[in-house]
Amino acid sequence: MGSLFGEKARLKSASASTTVDRGAQQTLLRIRSFYLLAGLAGGMFNPYMSTMLVHGGMGSTQVGMLMSIGTFISILIQPFWGVVVDRFQQMRLVLMLSVAVPALLSVFYQSPHFIVLTIIYTISMVFAATQAPMADSYALVAAQKAHTTYGAIRFLGSLGTAAGSYLGGLYVSRIDVSLIWVPFLVFNLLAAALTLTLPSRSDESRVLKQSVSAGIRSLVGNRLFLCFLGGCLLVNQTLTAFNSYFVLSFEAAGGTLELAGVGLFIASAANIPAMLIAARVISRYGHERMLLIAAFAYILRWGIQYIFPVPWVMIAVQLLHGLSFGFFYISAVEYVSRIASKQMQATAQSIFNMVFVGLAGIAGNLLNGYLLETGGAAAMNLSCVISAVLGAVLLGCVASRSRNRAAAVT
């Protein structure tokens, strides 16, 4: 009798395990599909947004101001989303709104009025800013349950962005850049519909439980961390010259919109091998040295475009995107995870993202937009070289101090 009950219990346990595995696999497939759709939407729209606005009558300075205002307000509003997710367990709803609201508001980018466009972009950014942390939280939990890695899931986002960048170039060259919001609307609405199939309440929300304000004081008191953040700010603000203004500067150099799409595709595709070999490079050289390697890749990237401002060079140099942005982002995220205590992981990553994405985006969009309009691509690229050099100096100080600390401990 005992053996009979034992066999039944074992079968029941195996059945439950199979159900959990099947559910994990389904969630894994859905979150991968979400990354792919969101990557396609962003890859097609984001690189051409500034071009769309300039073709609509705005100047580069105005575009930079518009983007900076939206990014700044989105930073201020982020704690509110944390409360919504933590207190009301509405993670799926917030993720759905992060793609649905920007998609629906994209219709109004046809407006000729600066104030209307600023309001539309700001509201879109307020919702879109939650997309990465929410989707990443689902991905982290899904990876753990399905016995895979976060990179194997996030990879679909890079693939979607690469494909979207190329398709966007074809779209704007053969249809109209003013209508680039149409595929953005379609792909984002498909992604929003897909979020309805994700778990509404589960372990995913636990990833975001840490409060940003709780550990700010202790982290800000860490001079090495502040030096690292300063280096990140100076280096990554240069990326807006690519993300926001590459298409405009490429057109100014005599390139076509279709070829611009090829350049964007090369840049996104270059991230894929960088992600695959990053772990081995870090294990050999360490996080600090890899940050320096990436910073020097940024210097080389902007220096080449300053010296040789011709379309084919501007396309070929995008091969450095993986060595610059890909290496930098992976090593920076892992560096933050390494130096922060277990209790401060979420807080440290939140502060890093506020600087790396938020403040760097604001400073870069304002500065590079102004320089592009007043001094052309040459002034913008030279400024990027100088900023990346200064950032490399700060990161060199971080690497030096880290080595000294390691030697003292040894």
Protein backbone atom coordinates (compact mmCIF):
# COMPACT_ATOMS: atom_id res chain seq x y z
CA MET A 1 0.00 0.00 0.00
CA GLY A 2 2.83 2.37 0.98
CA SER A 3 4.61 1.77 -2.29
CA LEU A 4 1.37 2.45 -4.17
CA PHE A 5 0.92 5.83 -2.49
CA GLY A 6 4.61 6.59 -3.10
CA GLU A 7 4.27 5.82 -6.79
CA LYS A 8 1.18 8.07 -7.06
CA ALA A 9 3.01 10.91 -5.32
CA ARG A 10 5.98 10.54 -7.65
CA LEU A 11 3.75 10.58 -10.73
CA LYS A 12 1.92 13.65 -9.44
CA SER A 13 5.23 15.43 -8.80
CA ALA A 14 6.50 14.55 -12.29
CA SER A 15 3.25 15.82 -13.81
CA ALA A 16 3.52 19.11 -11.92
CA SER A 17 7.16 19.49 -13.03
CA THR A 18 6.16 18.90 -16.66
CA THR A 19 3.41 21.52 -16.33
CA VAL A 20 5.84 24.06 -14.88
CA ASP A 21 8.38 23.34 -17.63
CA ARG A 22 5.72 23.69 -20.32
CA GLY A 23 4.52 26.97 -18.84
CA ALA A 24 8.09 28.25 -18.64
CA GLN A 25 8.72 27.33 -22.26
CA GLN A 26 5.55 29.13 -23.34
CA THR A 27 6.53 32.26 -21.45
CA LEU A 28 10.02 32.02 -22.94
CA LEU A 29 8.62 31.88 -26.48
CA ARG A 30 6.31 34.83 -25.84
CA ILE A 31 8.95 37.10 -24.29
CA ARG A 32 11.35 36.26 -27.13
CA SER A 33 8.63 37.17 -29.63
CA PHE A 34 8.03 40.40 -27.71
CA TYR A 35 11.71 41.35 -27.97
CA LEU A 36 11.67 40.59 -31.70
CA LEU A 37 8.57 42.72 -32.38
CA ALA A 38 9.72 45.59 -30.17
CA GLY A 39 13.15 45.44 -31.84
CA LEU A 40 11.57 45.63 -35.29
CA ALA A 41 9.45 48.62 -34.23
CA GLY A 42 12.33 50.52 -32.66
CA GLY A 43 14.81 49.58 -35.38
CA MET A 44 12.53 50.94 -38.11
CA PHE A 45 11.43 54.11 -36.30
CA ASN A 46 14.04 55.42 -33.85
CA PRO A 47 16.97 56.02 -36.26
CA TYR A 48 14.72 57.88 -38.70
CA MET A 49 12.69 59.90 -36.21
CA SER A 50 15.01 62.91 -36.27
CA THR A 51 15.04 62.79 -40.08
CA MET A 52 11.24 62.70 -40.10
CA LEU A 53 11.07 65.75 -37.82
CA VAL A 54 13.71 67.71 -39.77
CA HIS A 55 11.96 66.94 -43.05
CA GLY A 56 8.82 68.24 -41.34
CA GLY A 57 10.44 71.63 -40.79
CA MET A 58 12.27 71.38 -37.46
CA GLY A 59 15.95 72.17 -36.91
CA SER A 60 18.46 69.78 -35.36
CA THR A 61 18.65 71.94 -32.24
CA GLN A 62 14.89 71.74 -31.81
CA VAL A 63 15.00 67.97 -32.29
CA GLY A 64 17.66 67.68 -29.62
CA MET A 65 15.67 69.86 -27.24
CA LEU A 66 12.49 67.84 -27.86
CA MET A 67 14.25 64.55 -27.15
CA SER A 68 16.02 65.90 -24.07
CA ILE A 69 12.83 67.21 -22.50
CA GLY A 70 11.10 63.87 -23.01
CA THR A 71 14.02 61.90 -21.60
CA PHE A 72 14.35 64.19 -18.56
CA ILE A 73 10.68 63.93 -17.61
CA SER A 74 10.73 60.15 -18.14
CA ILE A 75 13.57 59.92 -15.58
CA LEU A 76 11.54 61.89 -13.03
CA ILE A 77 8.46 59.71 -13.50
CA GLN A 78 10.21 56.33 -13.20
CA PRO A 79 9.68 56.01 -9.40
CA PHE A 80 5.91 56.23 -10.03
CA TRP A 81 6.05 53.16 -12.26
CA GLY A 82 8.00 51.35 -9.58
CA VAL A 83 5.16 52.02 -7.11
CA VAL A 84 2.56 50.79 -9.60
CA VAL A 85 4.43 47.55 -10.20
CA ASP A 86 5.46 46.87 -6.62
CA ARG A 87 2.26 47.87 -4.84
CA PHE A 88 -0.42 46.93 -7.33
CA GLN A 89 1.31 44.04 -9.12
CA GLN A 90 0.49 45.46 -12.55
CA MET A 91 3.65 44.46 -14.38
CA ARG A 92 1.92 43.05 -17.45
CA LEU A 93 -0.27 46.15 -17.79
CA VAL A 94 2.73 48.48 -17.55
CA LEU A 95 4.64 46.45 -20.16
CA MET A 96 1.64 46.58 -22.50
CA LEU A 97 1.31 50.36 -22.08
CA SER A 98 5.05 50.79 -22.71
CA VAL A 99 4.53 49.77 -26.36
CA ALA A 100 0.84 50.55 -26.94
CA VAL A 101 0.88 54.23 -25.89
CA PRO A 102 3.92 55.26 -28.01
CA ALA A 103 2.42 53.32 -30.92
CA LEU A 104 -0.93 55.11 -30.79
CA LEU A 105 0.62 58.54 -30.21
CA SER A 106 2.95 58.13 -33.21
CA VAL A 107 0.03 59.16 -35.45
CA PHE A 108 0.41 62.72 -34.15
CA TYR A 109 4.03 63.10 -35.30
CA GLN A 110 2.50 64.60 -38.44
CA SER A 111 1.83 67.81 -36.51
CA PRO A 112 3.84 70.87 -37.61
CA HIS A 113 3.77 72.43 -34.12
CA PHE A 114 6.83 72.08 -31.86
CA ILE A 115 4.83 72.17 -28.63
CA VAL A 116 2.50 69.40 -29.82
CA LEU A 117 5.43 67.22 -30.90
CA THR A 118 7.18 67.82 -27.58
CA ILE A 119 4.11 66.77 -25.61
CA ILE A 120 3.61 63.67 -27.78
CA TYR A 121 7.25 62.62 -27.50
CA THR A 122 7.34 63.27 -23.75
CA ILE A 123 4.25 61.17 -23.06
CA SER A 124 5.63 58.43 -25.29
CA MET A 125 8.94 58.43 -23.42
CA VAL A 126 7.19 58.34 -20.03
CA PHE A 127 5.62 55.03 -21.01
CA ALA A 128 8.44 53.67 -23.20
CA ALA A 129 11.01 54.12 -20.41
CA THR A 130 9.42 51.21 -18.56
CA GLN A 131 9.76 48.75 -21.46
CA ALA A 132 13.35 47.62 -20.86
CA PRO A 133 13.16 46.95 -17.08
CA MET A 134 9.78 45.22 -17.36
CA ALA A 135 10.72 43.03 -20.32
CA ASP A 136 14.12 42.25 -18.78
CA SER A 137 12.45 41.18 -15.55
CA TYR A 138 10.22 38.75 -17.42
CA ALA A 139 13.27 37.52 -19.36
CA LEU A 140 15.39 36.97 -16.24
CA VAL A 141 12.72 34.88 -14.54
CA ALA A 142 11.86 32.99 -17.75
CA ALA A 143 15.54 32.20 -18.31
CA GLN A 144 15.89 30.82 -14.79
CA LYS A 145 12.79 28.66 -15.05
CA ALA A 146 13.56 27.38 -18.55
CA HIS A 147 17.25 26.75 -17.76
CA THR A 148 18.61 29.11 -20.39
CA THR A 149 20.46 32.45 -20.34
CA TYR A 150 19.29 36.04 -20.45
CA GLY A 151 21.48 36.66 -23.50
CA ALA A 152 19.79 33.84 -25.40
CA ILE A 153 16.49 35.70 -24.93
CA ARG A 154 17.68 39.29 -25.36
CA PHE A 155 19.42 38.25 -28.58
CA LEU A 156 16.06 38.44 -30.37
CA GLY A 157 15.87 42.15 -29.58
CA SER A 158 19.18 42.83 -31.33
CA LEU A 159 18.09 40.69 -34.27
CA GLY A 160 14.83 42.63 -34.56
CA THR A 161 16.66 45.96 -34.34
CA ALA A 162 19.12 44.93 -37.06
CA ALA A 163 16.35 43.78 -39.40
CA GLY A 164 14.24 46.84 -38.58
CA SER A 165 17.11 49.23 -39.33
CA TYR A 166 17.61 47.76 -42.79
CA LEU A 167 13.88 47.55 -43.56
CA GLY A 168 13.46 51.12 -42.33
CA GLY A 169 16.03 52.30 -44.86
CA LEU A 170 14.16 50.57 -47.65
CA TYR A 171 10.84 51.94 -46.40
CA VAL A 172 11.84 55.62 -46.19
CA SER A 173 13.69 55.51 -49.52
CA ARG A 174 10.82 53.93 -51.43
CA ILE A 175 7.76 55.31 -49.64
CA ASP A 176 8.17 58.43 -47.45
CA VAL A 177 10.11 59.24 -44.30
CA SER A 178 7.08 61.13 -42.97
CA LEU A 179 5.20 57.80 -42.84
CA ILE A 180 7.84 55.85 -40.87
CA TRP A 181 5.46 55.87 -37.91
CA VAL A 182 3.15 53.37 -39.71
CA PRO A 183 5.32 50.21 -39.28
CA PHE A 184 6.21 51.46 -35.76
CA LEU A 185 2.50 51.51 -34.96
CA VAL A 186 1.87 48.04 -36.43
CA PHE A 187 4.77 46.19 -34.79
CA ASN A 188 4.24 47.84 -31.41
CA LEU A 189 0.54 47.00 -31.38
CA LEU A 190 1.41 43.38 -32.16
CA ALA A 191 3.88 43.43 -29.25
CA ALA A 192 1.19 44.96 -27.01
CA ALA A 193 -1.25 42.20 -27.95
CA LEU A 194 1.41 39.62 -27.16
CA THR A 195 1.87 40.97 -23.62
CA LEU A 196 -1.70 39.89 -22.83
CA THR A 197 -0.49 36.27 -22.99
CA LEU A 198 2.26 36.83 -20.39
CA PRO A 199 1.77 36.00 -16.68
CA SER A 200 0.02 38.82 -14.84
CA ARG A 201 1.34 38.04 -11.37
CA SER A 202 4.36 35.88 -10.76
CA ASP A 203 7.95 35.93 -9.64
CA GLU A 204 8.72 38.56 -12.29
CA SER A 205 7.67 41.43 -10.03
CA ARG A 206 10.13 40.39 -7.35
CA VAL A 207 13.01 41.42 -9.57
CA LEU A 208 11.93 45.06 -9.25
CA LYS A 209 11.31 45.15 -5.51
CA GLN A 210 14.40 47.20 -4.65
CA SER A 211 13.80 50.91 -4.13
CA VAL A 212 16.07 53.31 -6.01
CA SER A 213 16.14 55.84 -3.18
CA ALA A 214 17.03 53.29 -0.49
CA GLY A 215 20.67 52.85 -1.52
CA ILE A 216 21.50 56.11 -3.27
CA ARG A 217 23.35 57.59 -0.31
CA SER A 218 25.73 54.68 0.12
CA LEU A 219 26.41 54.36 -3.60
CA VAL A 220 26.98 58.09 -4.12
CA GLY A 221 29.51 57.94 -1.29
CA ASN A 222 31.57 55.47 -3.33
CA ARG A 223 34.06 57.66 -5.23
CA LEU A 224 35.08 54.83 -7.51
CA PHE A 225 31.45 54.31 -8.53
CA LEU A 226 31.05 58.06 -9.19
CA CYS A 227 34.20 58.04 -11.33
CA PHE A 228 32.79 55.09 -13.26
CA LEU A 229 29.47 56.89 -13.80
CA GLY A 230 31.30 60.01 -15.02
CA GLY A 231 33.20 57.94 -17.55
CA CYS A 232 29.97 56.28 -18.70
CA LEU A 233 28.28 59.66 -19.11
CA LEU A 234 31.10 61.13 -21.20
CA VAL A 235 31.46 58.07 -23.41
CA ASN A 236 27.80 57.19 -23.93
CA GLN A 237 26.56 60.71 -24.65
CA THR A 238 28.46 60.34 -27.93
CA LEU A 239 26.14 57.50 -28.91
CA THR A 240 23.33 59.98 -29.57
CA ALA A 241 25.38 61.18 -32.55
CA PHE A 242 24.59 57.76 -33.99
CA ASN A 243 21.18 56.95 -32.52
CA SER A 244 19.61 60.35 -33.15
CA TYR A 245 21.68 62.02 -35.86
CA PHE A 246 23.39 59.38 -38.01
CA VAL A 247 20.81 59.53 -40.79
CA LEU A 248 20.91 63.35 -40.89
CA SER A 249 24.71 63.51 -40.96
CA PHE A 250 24.82 60.70 -43.54
CA GLU A 251 22.44 62.60 -45.82
CA ALA A 252 24.55 65.75 -45.36
CA ALA A 253 27.62 63.78 -46.50
CA GLY A 254 25.81 62.81 -49.71
CA GLY A 255 24.44 59.40 -48.71
CA THR A 256 20.95 58.11 -49.45
CA LEU A 257 18.32 56.98 -46.98
CA GLU A 258 18.50 53.43 -48.32
CA LEU A 259 22.27 53.29 -47.72
CA ALA A 260 21.72 54.76 -44.27
CA GLY A 261 19.59 51.71 -43.53
CA VAL A 262 22.51 49.49 -44.53
CA GLY A 263 24.76 51.34 -42.09
CA LEU A 264 22.22 50.97 -39.29
CA PHE A 265 21.86 47.26 -40.07
CA ILE A 266 25.64 46.74 -39.93
CA ALA A 267 25.83 48.50 -36.57
CA SER A 268 23.03 46.42 -35.02
CA ALA A 269 24.36 43.18 -36.52
CA ALA A 270 27.85 43.93 -35.16
CA ASN A 271 26.38 43.72 -31.66
CA ILE A 272 25.56 40.02 -32.09
CA PRO A 273 29.12 38.60 -32.22
CA ALA A 274 30.18 41.14 -29.59
CA MET A 275 27.59 39.70 -27.19
CA LEU A 276 28.73 36.15 -27.94
CA ILE A 277 32.42 36.76 -27.21
CA ALA A 278 32.04 39.37 -24.44
CA ALA A 279 32.17 36.81 -21.62
CA ARG A 280 35.47 35.40 -22.87
CA VAL A 281 37.01 38.85 -23.28
CA ILE A 282 35.92 39.85 -19.77
CA SER A 283 37.30 36.65 -18.27
CA ARG A 284 40.67 37.37 -19.89
CA TYR A 285 41.02 41.14 -19.42
CA GLY A 286 38.52 42.01 -16.68
CA HIS A 287 35.62 44.46 -16.68
CA GLU A 288 37.72 47.60 -16.26
CA ARG A 289 40.04 46.85 -19.16
CA MET A 290 37.13 45.87 -21.38
CA LEU A 291 35.52 49.24 -20.64
CA LEU A 292 38.75 50.90 -21.77
CA ILE A 293 38.84 48.79 -24.95
CA ALA A 294 35.27 49.88 -25.72
CA ALA A 295 36.07 53.53 -24.97
CA PHE A 296 39.04 53.45 -27.38
CA ALA A 297 36.74 51.87 -30.00
CA TYR A 298 34.44 54.89 -29.54
CA ILE A 299 37.41 57.25 -30.00
CA LEU A 300 38.45 55.42 -33.17
CA ARG A 301 34.87 55.33 -34.44
CA TRP A 302 34.31 59.09 -34.16
CA GLY A 303 37.86 59.97 -35.18
CA ILE A 304 37.58 58.07 -38.46
CA GLN A 305 34.29 59.80 -39.30
CA TYR A 306 35.84 63.19 -38.48
CA ILE A 307 38.85 62.60 -40.75
CA PHE A 308 36.97 60.81 -43.56
CA PRO A 309 33.42 62.28 -43.75
CA VAL A 310 32.31 60.26 -46.77
CA PRO A 311 29.32 57.87 -46.99
CA TRP A 312 31.18 54.59 -47.59
CA VAL A 313 33.50 55.24 -44.64
CA MET A 314 30.52 56.16 -42.43
CA ILE A 315 28.95 52.81 -43.33
CA ALA A 316 32.11 50.71 -42.89
CA VAL A 317 32.96 52.26 -39.51
CA GLN A 318 29.68 50.96 -38.07
CA LEU A 319 31.45 47.60 -37.73
CA LEU A 320 32.94 49.18 -34.60
CA HIS A 321 29.50 49.45 -33.01
CA GLY A 322 29.84 46.02 -31.44
CA LEU A 323 33.31 46.77 -30.05
CA SER A 324 32.18 50.15 -28.75
CA PHE A 325 28.57 50.01 -27.56
CA GLY A 326 28.26 46.20 -27.33
CA PHE A 327 31.40 45.67 -25.27
CA PHE A 328 30.83 48.79 -23.19
CA TYR A 329 27.25 48.04 -22.19
CA ILE A 330 27.84 44.39 -21.28
CA SER A 331 30.98 45.10 -19.25
CA ALA A 332 29.38 48.12 -17.53
CA VAL A 333 26.28 46.19 -16.43
CA GLU A 334 28.40 43.33 -15.12
CA TYR A 335 30.82 45.75 -13.42
CA VAL A 336 27.93 47.39 -11.55
CA SER A 337 26.65 43.97 -10.53
CA ARG A 338 30.12 43.03 -9.26
CA ILE A 339 30.80 46.09 -7.11
CA ALA A 340 27.29 46.46 -5.65
CA SER A 341 26.20 44.47 -2.63
CA LYS A 342 23.53 41.80 -3.04
CA GLN A 343 20.94 44.06 -1.42
CA MET A 344 21.82 46.99 -3.67
CA GLN A 345 21.86 45.26 -7.06
CA ALA A 346 18.60 46.74 -8.34
CA THR A 347 19.39 50.19 -6.94
CA ALA A 348 22.87 50.26 -8.47
CA GLN A 349 21.59 49.14 -11.87
CA SER A 350 18.81 51.76 -11.74
CA ILE A 351 21.30 54.55 -10.98
CA PHE A 352 23.60 53.30 -13.74
CA ASN A 353 20.73 53.34 -16.27
CA MET A 354 19.63 56.82 -15.18
CA VAL A 355 23.13 58.07 -16.02
CA PHE A 356 23.99 55.80 -18.97
CA VAL A 357 20.66 56.18 -20.76
CA GLY A 358 18.92 59.17 -19.16
CA LEU A 359 21.51 61.86 -18.43
CA ALA A 360 23.76 60.79 -21.29
CA GLY A 361 20.78 60.92 -23.65
CA ILE A 362 19.80 64.40 -22.49
CA ALA A 363 23.33 65.83 -22.72
CA GLY A 364 24.06 64.10 -26.01
CA ASN A 365 20.86 65.07 -27.78
CA LEU A 366 21.21 68.73 -26.75
CA LEU A 367 24.93 69.04 -27.48
CA ASN A 368 25.12 66.99 -30.65
CA GLY A 369 21.92 68.44 -32.09
CA TYR A 370 23.27 71.97 -31.56
CA LEU A 371 26.70 71.13 -33.00
CA LEU A 372 25.22 69.39 -36.04
CA GLU A 373 23.08 72.41 -36.86
CA THR A 374 25.72 75.08 -36.22
CA GLY A 375 28.98 73.36 -37.18
CA GLY A 376 27.92 70.33 -39.19
CA ALA A 377 28.90 66.70 -38.73
CA ALA A 378 32.59 67.62 -38.37
CA ALA A 379 31.97 69.65 -35.21
CA MET A 380 29.74 66.92 -33.79
CA ASN A 381 32.25 64.13 -34.49
CA LEU A 382 35.19 66.13 -33.07
CA SER A 383 33.20 66.80 -29.91
CA CYS A 384 32.47 63.09 -29.64
CA VAL A 385 36.18 62.27 -29.91
CA ILE A 386 37.03 64.72 -27.12
CA SER A 387 34.20 63.45 -24.89
CA ALA A 388 35.20 59.81 -25.42
CA VAL A 389 38.84 60.64 -24.59
CA LEU A 390 37.81 62.33 -21.35
CA GLY A 391 35.59 59.37 -20.51
CA ALA A 392 38.47 56.97 -21.19
CA VAL A 393 40.65 58.97 -18.77
CA LEU A 394 38.08 58.55 -15.99
CA LEU A 395 37.67 54.85 -16.76
CA GLY A 396 41.45 54.52 -16.73
CA CYS A 397 41.41 55.93 -13.19
CA VAL A 398 38.80 53.34 -12.25
CA ALA A 399 40.93 50.54 -13.69
CA SER A 400 44.05 51.84 -11.91
CA ARG A 401 42.33 52.15 -8.52
CA SER A 402 40.76 48.74 -8.90
CA ARG A 403 44.16 47.18 -9.57
CA ASN A 404 45.65 48.95 -6.55
CA ARG A 405 42.84 47.71 -4.32
CA ALA A 406 43.24 44.17 -5.62
CA ALA A 407 46.99 44.34 -5.01
CA ALA A 408 46.45 45.64 -1.47
CA VAL A 409 44.03 42.81 -0.69
CA THR A 410 46.45 40.26 -2.11
